[in-house]
Amino acid sequence: MSLISALAISIGVLGGIATWAFLGPLAGALQIWAAFIAWACFFHCGGKEAGLKATIPATIAGAIMAGLTLIAVSRGGLGASLGLPVWAGLCVGVGVLVMILLANVPALGAIPAMVYGFAATAAQALMAADGLANLTSPGLANPVVSIAASMVVGAILGYVSEKVAVALLGTGPARRPA
């Protein structure tokens, strides 16, 4: 079996189970689409322990920066006088600038992972009925908390799916190269 085939099996099975869990028992708490973004990010960051260590803190940092940026946009008070498009553009520009500068911290060096966290959080906050209103709430209704938790779970699922795929490959003579 090739590595791609082993990954297809492990990701397919785990993806199906995760989707059932996120849409069933965890419905409304976690976002399956954000978990899949982090799952892909884990592989984008190289997989293995290093991919996990890069994905989790960076996606969380991106989620936090999106939350802070959206709080500034929605509660900063200058949207009315400057016009919302100008105010939002300024806030996002500063928020993204700060977020990218965070990549100077080695644990936050995966810039694409931060962008995934930022974008997913902004999407959840802007699409959910009370997303912007819940930006400072302490629970899973807060888009920052929901997306960060979803992305942590997604990164862990990436790690598990990689381990399962490697186990499926085995070490016997029938193993074919990827």
N, C-alpha and C. Protein backbone atom coordinates (compact mmCIF):
# COMPACT_ATOMS: atom_id res chain seq x y z
N MET A 1 0.86 -1.18 0.00
CA MET A 1 0.00 0.00 0.00
C MET A 1 0.90 1.23 0.00
N SER A 2 0.51 2.23 -0.75
CA SER A 2 1.28 3.48 -0.80
C SER A 2 0.91 4.36 0.40
N LEU A 3 1.75 5.34 0.65
CA LEU A 3 1.48 6.29 1.72
C LEU A 3 0.18 7.05 1.44
N ILE A 4 -0.03 7.42 0.19
CA ILE A 4 -1.26 8.14 -0.16
C ILE A 4 -2.49 7.29 0.14
N SER A 5 -2.42 6.01 -0.19
CA SER A 5 -3.55 5.12 0.09
C SER A 5 -3.78 4.99 1.59
N ALA A 6 -2.70 4.85 2.34
CA ALA A 6 -2.82 4.74 3.80
C ALA A 6 -3.40 6.02 4.40
N LEU A 7 -2.95 7.16 3.89
CA LEU A 7 -3.51 8.44 4.37
C LEU A 7 -4.98 8.57 3.97
N ALA A 8 -5.32 8.12 2.77
CA ALA A 8 -6.72 8.19 2.33
C ALA A 8 -7.62 7.41 3.27
N ILE A 9 -7.17 6.23 3.65
CA ILE A 9 -7.96 5.40 4.57
C ILE A 9 -8.06 6.05 5.94
N SER A 10 -6.92 6.45 6.50
CA SER A 10 -6.94 6.99 7.86
C SER A 10 -7.68 8.32 7.94
N ILE A 11 -7.44 9.20 6.98
CA ILE A 11 -8.13 10.50 7.00
C ILE A 11 -9.61 10.33 6.68
N GLY A 12 -9.93 9.43 5.75
CA GLY A 12 -11.34 9.19 5.44
C GLY A 12 -12.12 8.67 6.63
N VAL A 13 -11.58 7.67 7.31
CA VAL A 13 -12.27 7.10 8.47
C VAL A 13 -12.34 8.12 9.61
N LEU A 14 -11.21 8.72 9.94
CA LEU A 14 -11.22 9.70 11.03
C LEU A 14 -12.04 10.94 10.68
N GLY A 15 -12.01 11.34 9.40
CA GLY A 15 -12.81 12.49 8.98
C GLY A 15 -14.30 12.22 9.10
N GLY A 16 -14.70 10.99 8.77
CA GLY A 16 -16.11 10.62 8.93
C GLY A 16 -16.54 10.61 10.38
N ILE A 17 -15.69 10.04 11.24
CA ILE A 17 -16.00 10.00 12.68
C ILE A 17 -16.04 11.42 13.25
N ALA A 18 -15.06 12.25 12.86
CA ALA A 18 -15.03 13.63 13.36
C ALA A 18 -16.26 14.40 12.90
N THR A 19 -16.65 14.22 11.67
CA THR A 19 -17.84 14.92 11.17
C THR A 19 -19.08 14.50 11.95
N TRP A 20 -19.23 13.20 12.18
CA TRP A 20 -20.36 12.72 12.99
C TRP A 20 -20.33 13.38 14.37
N ALA A 21 -19.15 13.40 15.01
CA ALA A 21 -19.04 13.96 16.36
C ALA A 21 -19.33 15.46 16.38
N PHE A 22 -18.77 16.19 15.41
CA PHE A 22 -18.94 17.65 15.38
C PHE A 22 -20.38 18.05 15.05
N LEU A 23 -21.04 17.24 14.20
CA LEU A 23 -22.42 17.56 13.83
C LEU A 23 -23.45 16.89 14.73
N GLY A 24 -23.00 15.93 15.53
CA GLY A 24 -23.88 15.20 16.45
C GLY A 24 -23.68 15.68 17.87
N PRO A 25 -22.96 14.90 18.67
CA PRO A 25 -22.82 15.23 20.10
C PRO A 25 -22.18 16.59 20.38
N LEU A 26 -21.31 17.06 19.49
CA LEU A 26 -20.63 18.34 19.71
C LEU A 26 -21.26 19.48 18.91
N ALA A 27 -22.42 19.26 18.35
CA ALA A 27 -23.05 20.24 17.47
C ALA A 27 -23.14 21.61 18.13
N GLY A 28 -22.71 22.61 17.39
CA GLY A 28 -22.76 23.98 17.86
C GLY A 28 -21.57 24.40 18.70
N ALA A 29 -20.83 23.44 19.24
CA ALA A 29 -19.69 23.78 20.09
C ALA A 29 -18.41 23.96 19.28
N LEU A 30 -18.16 23.02 18.39
CA LEU A 30 -16.96 23.04 17.57
C LEU A 30 -17.36 23.09 16.10
N GLN A 31 -16.45 23.53 15.27
CA GLN A 31 -16.73 23.71 13.84
C GLN A 31 -15.89 22.72 13.03
N ILE A 32 -16.55 21.78 12.35
CA ILE A 32 -15.84 20.75 11.59
C ILE A 32 -14.99 21.37 10.49
N TRP A 33 -15.48 22.40 9.85
CA TRP A 33 -14.72 23.02 8.76
C TRP A 33 -13.41 23.61 9.28
N ALA A 34 -13.42 24.19 10.46
CA ALA A 34 -12.19 24.74 11.03
C ALA A 34 -11.23 23.62 11.44
N ALA A 35 -11.78 22.52 11.91
CA ALA A 35 -10.94 21.37 12.26
C ALA A 35 -10.25 20.84 11.01
N PHE A 36 -10.97 20.77 9.89
CA PHE A 36 -10.35 20.29 8.65
C PHE A 36 -9.26 21.26 8.15
N ILE A 37 -9.46 22.55 8.35
CA ILE A 37 -8.41 23.51 7.98
C ILE A 37 -7.15 23.23 8.79
N ALA A 38 -7.29 23.05 10.10
CA ALA A 38 -6.13 22.77 10.93
C ALA A 38 -5.52 21.41 10.63
N TRP A 39 -6.36 20.46 10.27
CA TRP A 39 -5.89 19.12 9.89
C TRP A 39 -4.96 19.25 8.68
N ALA A 40 -5.39 20.00 7.68
CA ALA A 40 -4.55 20.23 6.50
C ALA A 40 -3.32 21.04 6.88
N CYS A 41 -3.49 22.00 7.76
CA CYS A 41 -2.36 22.82 8.21
C CYS A 41 -1.28 21.97 8.88
N PHE A 42 -1.69 20.97 9.64
CA PHE A 42 -0.74 20.06 10.28
C PHE A 42 0.18 19.46 9.22
N PHE A 43 -0.39 18.97 8.12
CA PHE A 43 0.42 18.40 7.05
C PHE A 43 1.21 19.48 6.32
N HIS A 44 0.61 20.66 6.15
CA HIS A 44 1.30 21.78 5.52
C HIS A 44 2.54 22.17 6.32
N CYS A 45 2.46 22.04 7.61
CA CYS A 45 3.59 22.38 8.50
C CYS A 45 4.58 21.22 8.65
N GLY A 46 4.45 20.18 7.85
CA GLY A 46 5.42 19.11 7.84
C GLY A 46 5.04 17.85 8.58
N GLY A 47 3.89 17.85 9.23
CA GLY A 47 3.46 16.66 9.96
C GLY A 47 4.34 16.35 11.15
N LYS A 48 4.17 15.17 11.68
CA LYS A 48 4.91 14.67 12.84
C LYS A 48 4.74 15.63 14.03
N GLU A 49 5.59 15.50 15.01
CA GLU A 49 5.49 16.35 16.20
C GLU A 49 5.73 17.81 15.86
N ALA A 50 6.65 18.06 14.92
CA ALA A 50 6.95 19.43 14.54
C ALA A 50 5.74 20.12 13.92
N GLY A 51 4.98 19.39 13.10
CA GLY A 51 3.77 19.96 12.50
C GLY A 51 2.73 20.30 13.53
N LEU A 52 2.63 19.44 14.54
CA LEU A 52 1.68 19.69 15.63
C LEU A 52 2.11 20.91 16.44
N LYS A 53 3.41 20.99 16.74
CA LYS A 53 3.94 22.12 17.52
C LYS A 53 3.86 23.43 16.75
N ALA A 54 3.88 23.37 15.44
CA ALA A 54 3.76 24.59 14.64
C ALA A 54 2.31 25.00 14.47
N THR A 55 1.42 24.03 14.25
CA THR A 55 0.03 24.32 13.94
C THR A 55 -0.74 24.86 15.13
N ILE A 56 -0.64 24.20 16.26
CA ILE A 56 -1.50 24.57 17.39
C ILE A 56 -1.26 26.00 17.88
N PRO A 57 -0.04 26.38 18.26
CA PRO A 57 0.11 27.76 18.76
C PRO A 57 -0.15 28.82 17.71
N ALA A 58 0.21 28.55 16.46
CA ALA A 58 0.02 29.56 15.42
C ALA A 58 -1.45 29.76 15.07
N THR A 59 -2.22 28.68 14.98
CA THR A 59 -3.65 28.87 14.68
C THR A 59 -4.36 29.56 15.83
N ILE A 60 -3.96 29.25 17.06
CA ILE A 60 -4.54 29.93 18.22
C ILE A 60 -4.18 31.41 18.20
N ALA A 61 -2.93 31.72 17.89
CA ALA A 61 -2.52 33.13 17.82
C ALA A 61 -3.31 33.87 16.75
N GLY A 62 -3.51 33.23 15.61
CA GLY A 62 -4.31 33.85 14.55
C GLY A 62 -5.74 34.08 14.98
N ALA A 63 -6.31 33.11 15.69
CA ALA A 63 -7.68 33.26 16.19
C ALA A 63 -7.78 34.44 17.16
N ILE A 64 -6.82 34.54 18.04
CA ILE A 64 -6.82 35.64 19.02
C ILE A 64 -6.68 36.98 18.32
N MET A 65 -5.77 37.05 17.35
CA MET A 65 -5.59 38.32 16.63
C MET A 65 -6.86 38.70 15.86
N ALA A 66 -7.54 37.72 15.29
CA ALA A 66 -8.80 38.02 14.61
C ALA A 66 -9.83 38.55 15.60
N GLY A 67 -9.91 37.92 16.76
CA GLY A 67 -10.85 38.38 17.78
C GLY A 67 -10.57 39.81 18.20
N LEU A 68 -9.31 40.11 18.46
CA LEU A 68 -8.95 41.48 18.85
C LEU A 68 -9.24 42.48 17.73
N THR A 69 -8.95 42.07 16.51
CA THR A 69 -9.21 42.94 15.37
C THR A 69 -10.71 43.20 15.21
N LEU A 70 -11.51 42.15 15.34
CA LEU A 70 -12.96 42.31 15.20
C LEU A 70 -13.57 43.11 16.33
N ILE A 71 -13.00 43.00 17.52
CA ILE A 71 -13.47 43.84 18.62
C ILE A 71 -13.18 45.31 18.29
N ALA A 72 -11.99 45.58 17.78
CA ALA A 72 -11.66 46.96 17.40
C ALA A 72 -12.59 47.47 16.31
N VAL A 73 -12.86 46.65 15.31
CA VAL A 73 -13.75 47.06 14.21
C VAL A 73 -15.15 47.33 14.73
N SER A 74 -15.69 46.39 15.51
CA SER A 74 -17.10 46.48 15.89
C SER A 74 -17.37 47.37 17.11
N ARG A 75 -16.37 47.62 17.91
CA ARG A 75 -16.60 48.41 19.13
C ARG A 75 -15.66 49.58 19.28
N GLY A 76 -14.83 49.81 18.27
CA GLY A 76 -13.83 50.87 18.35
C GLY A 76 -14.40 52.26 18.22
N GLY A 77 -15.58 52.38 17.66
CA GLY A 77 -16.26 53.67 17.62
C GLY A 77 -15.91 54.58 16.45
N LEU A 78 -14.92 54.25 15.66
CA LEU A 78 -14.57 55.14 14.56
C LEU A 78 -15.21 54.75 13.23
N GLY A 79 -15.94 53.63 13.23
CA GLY A 79 -16.61 53.20 12.01
C GLY A 79 -17.61 54.22 11.51
N ALA A 80 -18.32 54.87 12.43
CA ALA A 80 -19.34 55.84 12.03
C ALA A 80 -18.71 57.10 11.43
N SER A 81 -17.62 57.57 12.04
CA SER A 81 -17.02 58.82 11.54
C SER A 81 -16.12 58.60 10.33
N LEU A 82 -15.38 57.52 10.29
CA LEU A 82 -14.50 57.26 9.14
C LEU A 82 -15.19 56.50 8.02
N GLY A 83 -16.27 55.86 8.35
CA GLY A 83 -16.92 54.93 7.42
C GLY A 83 -16.40 53.54 7.73
N LEU A 84 -17.31 52.58 7.79
CA LEU A 84 -16.93 51.23 8.17
C LEU A 84 -15.86 50.62 7.28
N PRO A 85 -15.92 50.76 5.96
CA PRO A 85 -14.87 50.16 5.15
C PRO A 85 -13.47 50.69 5.47
N VAL A 86 -13.35 51.98 5.70
CA VAL A 86 -12.04 52.56 6.03
C VAL A 86 -11.60 52.08 7.40
N TRP A 87 -12.50 52.15 8.39
CA TRP A 87 -12.16 51.74 9.74
C TRP A 87 -11.80 50.25 9.79
N ALA A 88 -12.59 49.43 9.15
CA ALA A 88 -12.30 47.98 9.13
C ALA A 88 -10.97 47.72 8.43
N GLY A 89 -10.71 48.40 7.33
CA GLY A 89 -9.44 48.24 6.63
C GLY A 89 -8.25 48.61 7.49
N LEU A 90 -8.38 49.70 8.23
CA LEU A 90 -7.29 50.11 9.13
C LEU A 90 -7.08 49.08 10.24
N CYS A 91 -8.17 48.63 10.83
CA CYS A 91 -8.07 47.65 11.92
C CYS A 91 -7.46 46.34 11.43
N VAL A 92 -7.93 45.85 10.29
CA VAL A 92 -7.40 44.60 9.76
C VAL A 92 -5.93 44.78 9.38
N GLY A 93 -5.59 45.91 8.78
CA GLY A 93 -4.19 46.17 8.44
C GLY A 93 -3.28 46.11 9.66
N VAL A 94 -3.68 46.76 10.73
CA VAL A 94 -2.88 46.74 11.96
C VAL A 94 -2.88 45.35 12.59
N GLY A 95 -4.05 44.71 12.63
CA GLY A 95 -4.13 43.37 13.21
C GLY A 95 -3.25 42.37 12.49
N VAL A 96 -3.27 42.40 11.17
CA VAL A 96 -2.46 41.47 10.39
C VAL A 96 -0.97 41.82 10.54
N LEU A 97 -0.65 43.11 10.57
CA LEU A 97 0.74 43.51 10.77
C LEU A 97 1.27 42.94 12.08
N VAL A 98 0.52 43.13 13.15
CA VAL A 98 0.94 42.59 14.46
C VAL A 98 1.03 41.07 14.41
N MET A 99 0.05 40.42 13.78
CA MET A 99 0.05 38.96 13.70
C MET A 99 1.30 38.45 12.99
N ILE A 100 1.65 39.06 11.88
CA ILE A 100 2.83 38.59 11.14
C ILE A 100 4.09 38.88 11.93
N LEU A 101 4.15 39.98 12.64
CA LEU A 101 5.31 40.25 13.49
C LEU A 101 5.46 39.21 14.59
N LEU A 102 4.34 38.60 15.01
CA LEU A 102 4.42 37.53 16.02
C LEU A 102 5.23 36.34 15.53
N ALA A 103 5.41 36.22 14.22
CA ALA A 103 6.20 35.12 13.68
C ALA A 103 7.66 35.21 14.10
N ASN A 104 8.07 36.35 14.66
CA ASN A 104 9.41 36.46 15.23
C ASN A 104 9.58 35.59 16.47
N VAL A 105 8.47 35.22 17.08
CA VAL A 105 8.49 34.28 18.20
C VAL A 105 8.55 32.88 17.59
N PRO A 106 9.58 32.11 17.87
CA PRO A 106 9.73 30.81 17.20
C PRO A 106 8.50 29.91 17.24
N ALA A 107 7.78 29.88 18.33
CA ALA A 107 6.60 29.02 18.43
C ALA A 107 5.47 29.49 17.52
N LEU A 108 5.54 30.71 17.03
CA LEU A 108 4.50 31.28 16.17
C LEU A 108 5.01 31.53 14.76
N GLY A 109 6.06 30.83 14.38
CA GLY A 109 6.72 31.07 13.10
C GLY A 109 5.96 30.58 11.89
N ALA A 110 4.92 29.79 12.05
CA ALA A 110 4.16 29.27 10.91
C ALA A 110 3.12 30.31 10.49
N ILE A 111 3.55 31.25 9.67
CA ILE A 111 2.67 32.35 9.25
C ILE A 111 1.39 31.85 8.58
N PRO A 112 1.45 30.88 7.65
CA PRO A 112 0.19 30.40 7.07
C PRO A 112 -0.77 29.87 8.13
N ALA A 113 -0.27 29.19 9.15
CA ALA A 113 -1.14 28.68 10.21
C ALA A 113 -1.82 29.82 10.95
N MET A 114 -1.09 30.91 11.20
CA MET A 114 -1.73 32.06 11.84
C MET A 114 -2.82 32.64 10.95
N VAL A 115 -2.55 32.70 9.66
CA VAL A 115 -3.55 33.24 8.73
C VAL A 115 -4.78 32.35 8.69
N TYR A 116 -4.59 31.03 8.72
CA TYR A 116 -5.74 30.12 8.75
C TYR A 116 -6.58 30.37 10.00
N GLY A 117 -5.93 30.53 11.15
CA GLY A 117 -6.66 30.79 12.39
C GLY A 117 -7.39 32.12 12.35
N PHE A 118 -6.74 33.14 11.81
CA PHE A 118 -7.34 34.47 11.69
C PHE A 118 -8.57 34.40 10.77
N ALA A 119 -8.39 33.81 9.59
CA ALA A 119 -9.47 33.77 8.60
C ALA A 119 -10.66 32.95 9.10
N ALA A 120 -10.38 31.81 9.72
CA ALA A 120 -11.47 30.97 10.21
C ALA A 120 -12.24 31.67 11.32
N THR A 121 -11.55 32.36 12.18
CA THR A 121 -12.22 33.07 13.27
C THR A 121 -13.05 34.24 12.74
N ALA A 122 -12.49 34.98 11.79
CA ALA A 122 -13.23 36.08 11.19
C ALA A 122 -14.49 35.54 10.50
N ALA A 123 -14.35 34.43 9.79
CA ALA A 123 -15.50 33.84 9.11
C ALA A 123 -16.58 33.44 10.10
N GLN A 124 -16.18 32.77 11.17
CA GLN A 124 -17.17 32.33 12.16
C GLN A 124 -17.85 33.53 12.82
N ALA A 125 -17.08 34.54 13.16
CA ALA A 125 -17.64 35.72 13.83
C ALA A 125 -18.60 36.48 12.91
N LEU A 126 -18.27 36.54 11.64
CA LEU A 126 -19.09 37.30 10.71
C LEU A 126 -20.30 36.52 10.19
N MET A 127 -20.21 35.18 10.21
CA MET A 127 -21.31 34.36 9.70
C MET A 127 -22.29 33.92 10.79
N ALA A 128 -21.83 33.77 12.00
CA ALA A 128 -22.71 33.32 13.08
C ALA A 128 -23.66 34.45 13.47
N ALA A 129 -24.85 34.10 13.87
CA ALA A 129 -25.88 35.10 14.19
C ALA A 129 -25.39 36.11 15.22
N ASP A 130 -24.79 35.65 16.29
CA ASP A 130 -24.32 36.55 17.35
C ASP A 130 -22.80 36.54 17.46
N GLY A 131 -22.11 36.22 16.37
CA GLY A 131 -20.66 36.08 16.41
C GLY A 131 -19.93 37.29 16.94
N LEU A 132 -20.24 38.46 16.40
CA LEU A 132 -19.55 39.67 16.86
C LEU A 132 -19.93 40.01 18.29
N ALA A 133 -21.17 39.77 18.67
CA ALA A 133 -21.62 40.07 20.03
C ALA A 133 -20.97 39.16 21.06
N ASN A 134 -20.56 37.96 20.64
CA ASN A 134 -19.99 36.99 21.57
C ASN A 134 -18.47 37.02 21.64
N LEU A 135 -17.84 38.00 21.02
CA LEU A 135 -16.37 38.03 20.99
C LEU A 135 -15.72 38.13 22.37
N THR A 136 -16.45 38.58 23.35
CA THR A 136 -15.88 38.67 24.70
C THR A 136 -16.53 37.70 25.68
N SER A 137 -17.40 36.83 25.18
CA SER A 137 -18.03 35.86 26.08
C SER A 137 -17.03 34.75 26.40
N PRO A 138 -17.16 34.12 27.58
CA PRO A 138 -16.16 33.14 28.01
C PRO A 138 -16.32 31.73 27.45
N GLY A 139 -17.40 31.42 26.77
CA GLY A 139 -17.66 30.04 26.37
C GLY A 139 -17.47 29.78 24.90
N LEU A 140 -17.97 28.64 24.46
CA LEU A 140 -17.82 28.22 23.07
C LEU A 140 -18.68 29.04 22.10
N ALA A 141 -19.55 29.90 22.59
CA ALA A 141 -20.26 30.81 21.70
C ALA A 141 -19.32 31.88 21.16
N ASN A 142 -18.20 32.09 21.85
CA ASN A 142 -17.18 33.03 21.41
C ASN A 142 -16.47 32.42 20.20
N PRO A 143 -16.48 33.10 19.05
CA PRO A 143 -15.82 32.54 17.87
C PRO A 143 -14.34 32.25 18.07
N VAL A 144 -13.65 33.05 18.86
CA VAL A 144 -12.23 32.81 19.12
C VAL A 144 -12.05 31.47 19.84
N VAL A 145 -12.84 31.25 20.86
CA VAL A 145 -12.75 30.01 21.64
C VAL A 145 -13.16 28.81 20.80
N SER A 146 -14.27 28.93 20.10
CA SER A 146 -14.78 27.84 19.28
C SER A 146 -13.80 27.45 18.18
N ILE A 147 -13.28 28.42 17.48
CA ILE A 147 -12.36 28.13 16.37
C ILE A 147 -11.03 27.64 16.90
N ALA A 148 -10.51 28.25 17.96
CA ALA A 148 -9.24 27.77 18.52
C ALA A 148 -9.37 26.32 18.97
N ALA A 149 -10.45 26.00 19.67
CA ALA A 149 -10.67 24.61 20.12
C ALA A 149 -10.82 23.67 18.93
N SER A 150 -11.58 24.09 17.93
CA SER A 150 -11.78 23.26 16.73
C SER A 150 -10.45 23.01 16.03
N MET A 151 -9.61 24.02 15.98
CA MET A 151 -8.33 23.88 15.30
C MET A 151 -7.35 23.01 16.09
N VAL A 152 -7.40 23.08 17.39
CA VAL A 152 -6.57 22.19 18.20
C VAL A 152 -6.98 20.74 17.93
N VAL A 153 -8.28 20.49 17.95
CA VAL A 153 -8.78 19.14 17.68
C VAL A 153 -8.38 18.71 16.26
N GLY A 154 -8.50 19.60 15.30
CA GLY A 154 -8.13 19.28 13.92
C GLY A 154 -6.65 18.94 13.78
N ALA A 155 -5.79 19.70 14.45
CA ALA A 155 -4.36 19.41 14.40
C ALA A 155 -4.06 18.05 15.02
N ILE A 156 -4.72 17.76 16.13
CA ILE A 156 -4.54 16.45 16.78
C ILE A 156 -5.04 15.33 15.87
N LEU A 157 -6.15 15.55 15.19
CA LEU A 157 -6.65 14.56 14.24
C LEU A 157 -5.65 14.35 13.10
N GLY A 158 -5.00 15.42 12.67
CA GLY A 158 -3.95 15.28 11.66
C GLY A 158 -2.83 14.39 12.15
N TYR A 159 -2.41 14.62 13.37
CA TYR A 159 -1.33 13.82 13.98
C TYR A 159 -1.75 12.35 14.08
N VAL A 160 -2.96 12.12 14.56
CA VAL A 160 -3.46 10.74 14.71
C VAL A 160 -3.58 10.08 13.34
N SER A 161 -4.10 10.81 12.36
CA SER A 161 -4.26 10.21 11.02
C SER A 161 -2.91 9.85 10.41
N GLU A 162 -1.90 10.64 10.68
CA GLU A 162 -0.56 10.32 10.20
C GLU A 162 -0.03 9.06 10.86
N LYS A 163 -0.22 8.95 12.18
CA LYS A 163 0.22 7.75 12.91
C LYS A 163 -0.51 6.51 12.42
N VAL A 164 -1.81 6.63 12.18
CA VAL A 164 -2.59 5.48 11.69
C VAL A 164 -2.10 5.09 10.30
N ALA A 165 -1.84 6.07 9.44
CA ALA A 165 -1.35 5.77 8.09
C ALA A 165 -0.01 5.05 8.13
N VAL A 166 0.87 5.49 8.99
CA VAL A 166 2.18 4.83 9.12
C VAL A 166 1.99 3.40 9.63
N ALA A 167 1.07 3.22 10.56
CA ALA A 167 0.80 1.87 11.07
C ALA A 167 0.22 0.98 9.97
N LEU A 168 -0.63 1.55 9.11
CA LEU A 168 -1.19 0.78 8.00
C LEU A 168 -0.12 0.35 7.01
N LEU A 169 0.90 1.18 6.87
CA LEU A 169 1.98 0.84 5.94
C LEU A 169 2.76 -0.37 6.41
N GLY A 170 2.94 -0.48 7.73
CA GLY A 170 3.72 -1.59 8.28
C GLY A 170 5.17 -1.51 7.82
N THR A 171 5.92 -2.55 8.09
CA THR A 171 7.34 -2.56 7.71
C THR A 171 7.70 -3.80 6.93
N GLY A 172 6.71 -4.59 6.53
CA GLY A 172 6.98 -5.85 5.83
C GLY A 172 7.47 -5.63 4.41
N PRO A 173 7.87 -6.71 3.73
CA PRO A 173 8.41 -6.62 2.38
C PRO A 173 7.38 -6.20 1.32
N ALA A 174 6.09 -6.33 1.61
CA ALA A 174 5.07 -5.97 0.65
C ALA A 174 4.85 -4.47 0.57
N ARG A 175 5.46 -3.73 1.44
CA ARG A 175 5.30 -2.27 1.46
C ARG A 175 5.89 -1.66 0.20
N ARG A 176 5.11 -0.84 -0.47
CA ARG A 176 5.58 -0.15 -1.67
C ARG A 176 5.89 1.28 -1.33
N PRO A 177 6.82 1.89 -2.01
CA PRO A 177 7.13 3.32 -1.75
C PRO A 177 5.95 4.20 -2.12
N ALA A 178 5.89 5.35 -1.48
CA ALA A 178 4.80 6.30 -1.71
C ALA A 178 4.90 6.90 -3.09
